Protein backbone atom coordinates (compact mmCIF):
# COMPACT_ATOMS: atom_id res chain seq x y z
CA MET A 1 -33.55 39.77 17.74
CA ALA A 2 -31.50 42.77 16.71
CA GLN A 3 -31.27 43.78 13.09
CA GLY A 4 -27.63 42.69 12.71
CA GLU A 5 -28.17 39.25 14.27
CA GLU A 6 -30.42 38.04 11.47
CA GLY A 7 -27.66 38.41 8.88
CA ILE A 8 -25.16 36.62 11.13
CA LYS A 9 -27.47 33.63 11.66
CA ALA A 10 -28.08 33.30 7.92
CA LYS A 11 -24.38 32.67 7.23
CA GLY A 12 -22.18 29.64 7.77
CA SER A 13 -23.48 26.22 8.67
CA VAL A 14 -26.76 27.59 10.06
CA GLY A 15 -27.58 29.26 6.76
CA VAL A 16 -26.63 26.16 4.78
CA THR A 17 -28.78 23.98 7.05
CA GLN A 18 -31.76 26.31 6.63
CA TRP A 19 -31.29 26.32 2.85
CA LEU A 20 -31.05 22.51 2.71
CA SER A 21 -34.13 22.25 4.91
CA TYR A 22 -36.04 24.48 2.48
CA ILE A 23 -34.92 22.37 -0.50
CA GLN A 24 -35.87 19.18 1.34
CA GLN A 25 -39.31 20.65 2.11
CA ILE A 26 -39.91 21.29 -1.60
CA ALA A 27 -38.74 17.77 -2.51
CA VAL A 28 -40.90 16.11 0.17
CA MET A 29 -43.95 18.09 -0.95
CA GLU A 30 -43.37 16.82 -4.50
CA ILE A 31 -42.87 13.24 -3.28
CA THR A 32 -45.99 13.15 -1.13
CA GLY A 33 -48.17 15.45 -3.20
CA ALA A 34 -49.22 17.25 -0.01
CA MET A 35 -50.34 20.86 0.24
CA HIS A 36 -47.88 23.48 1.42
CA THR A 37 -49.87 23.95 4.65
CA THR A 38 -49.19 20.34 5.75
CA VAL A 39 -46.85 19.97 8.70
CA MET A 40 -43.31 19.09 7.60
CA ASP A 41 -42.87 16.36 10.23
CA ILE A 42 -45.83 14.44 8.86
CA MET A 43 -44.66 14.83 5.27
CA GLU A 44 -41.14 13.59 6.18
CA THR A 45 -42.62 10.56 7.93
CA HIS A 46 -44.83 9.65 4.97
CA ALA A 47 -41.94 10.09 2.52
CA ASN A 48 -39.61 8.08 4.81
CA VAL A 49 -37.07 10.94 4.88
CA LEU A 50 -35.02 12.00 7.91
CA PRO A 51 -35.13 15.65 8.98
CA ILE A 52 -32.10 17.46 7.55
CA GLU A 53 -30.41 17.97 10.95
CA LEU A 54 -30.58 14.26 11.76
CA LEU A 55 -29.41 13.37 8.27
CA MET A 56 -26.38 15.64 8.63
CA HIS A 57 -25.51 14.12 12.03
CA ARG A 58 -25.86 10.63 10.58
CA VAL A 59 -23.47 11.41 7.71
CA CYS A 60 -20.92 13.00 10.06
CA GLN A 61 -21.09 10.06 12.48
CA GLN A 62 -20.57 7.60 9.62
CA ALA A 63 -17.55 9.62 8.48
CA ALA A 64 -16.08 9.57 12.00
CA ILE A 65 -16.55 5.80 12.25
CA ARG A 66 -14.96 5.26 8.85
CA LEU A 67 -11.96 7.37 9.85
CA VAL A 68 -11.44 5.43 13.06
CA ALA A 69 -11.78 2.06 11.32
CA LEU A 70 -9.10 2.74 8.69
CA LEU A 71 -6.54 0.02 8.12
CA GLU A 72 -2.93 0.68 9.13
CA SER A 73 -1.91 0.57 5.47
CA HIS A 74 -4.20 3.50 4.62
CA PRO A 75 -2.41 6.87 4.09
CA LEU A 76 -4.76 8.70 6.49
CA HIS A 77 -4.26 6.23 9.35
CA LYS A 78 -1.21 8.05 10.79
CA VAL A 79 -2.97 11.43 10.61
CA MET A 80 -6.09 10.02 12.27
CA SER A 81 -4.02 8.35 15.02
CA ALA A 82 -2.25 11.64 15.72
CA CYS A 83 -5.62 13.40 16.00
CA THR A 84 -6.96 10.86 18.50
CA ASN A 85 -3.76 10.63 20.58
CA GLN A 86 -2.95 14.30 21.03
CA CYS A 87 -5.13 16.79 22.86
CA ALA A 88 -4.86 19.91 20.72
CA GLN A 89 -6.29 22.98 22.40
CA ARG A 90 -6.00 25.40 19.48
CA HIS A 91 -6.00 25.16 15.70
CA LEU A 92 -8.18 22.08 15.57
CA SER A 93 -8.46 20.43 12.18
CA PRO A 94 -11.79 19.20 10.82
CA MET A 95 -10.64 15.67 11.69
CA HIS A 96 -10.12 16.72 15.32
CA LEU A 97 -13.58 18.27 15.40
CA ILE A 98 -15.46 15.32 13.95
CA LEU A 99 -13.66 12.76 16.14
CA ARG A 100 -14.35 14.83 19.26
CA ALA A 101 -17.97 15.56 18.36
CA TYR A 102 -18.86 11.89 18.13
CA ASP A 103 -16.37 10.68 20.78
CA THR A 104 -14.87 8.02 18.56
CA LYS A 105 -11.69 6.21 19.55
CA PRO A 106 -9.82 3.60 17.51
CA ALA A 107 -9.77 1.20 20.47
CA ASP A 108 -13.57 1.02 20.38
CA PHE A 109 -13.66 -0.32 16.81
CA GLU A 110 -12.39 -3.45 15.17
CA THR A 111 -10.68 -3.56 11.78
CA LYS A 112 -9.95 -6.56 9.57
């Protein structure tokens, strides 16, 4: 890895994920009372905690499902419908990105 690449990888969502992973490691060590040389996977299993990457995917998937299952009376329903119906190539909004990442469509979900 070149010298400049390390700084690039430490920024943005990768840097935040690494920082959250470090914080989670400290918390899991406190929960389990394990030594710092214990493997993180084993500590997460004993503490019944998901790895941070899986936890982040789970939260994003839940958000996508909640957006798709909005009632027609909700103020965001029209915006969400526009995001699912149009195929924007540029200037994607965060709503476009999350709905595309988890391939959620309103027709696949039932609302009351």
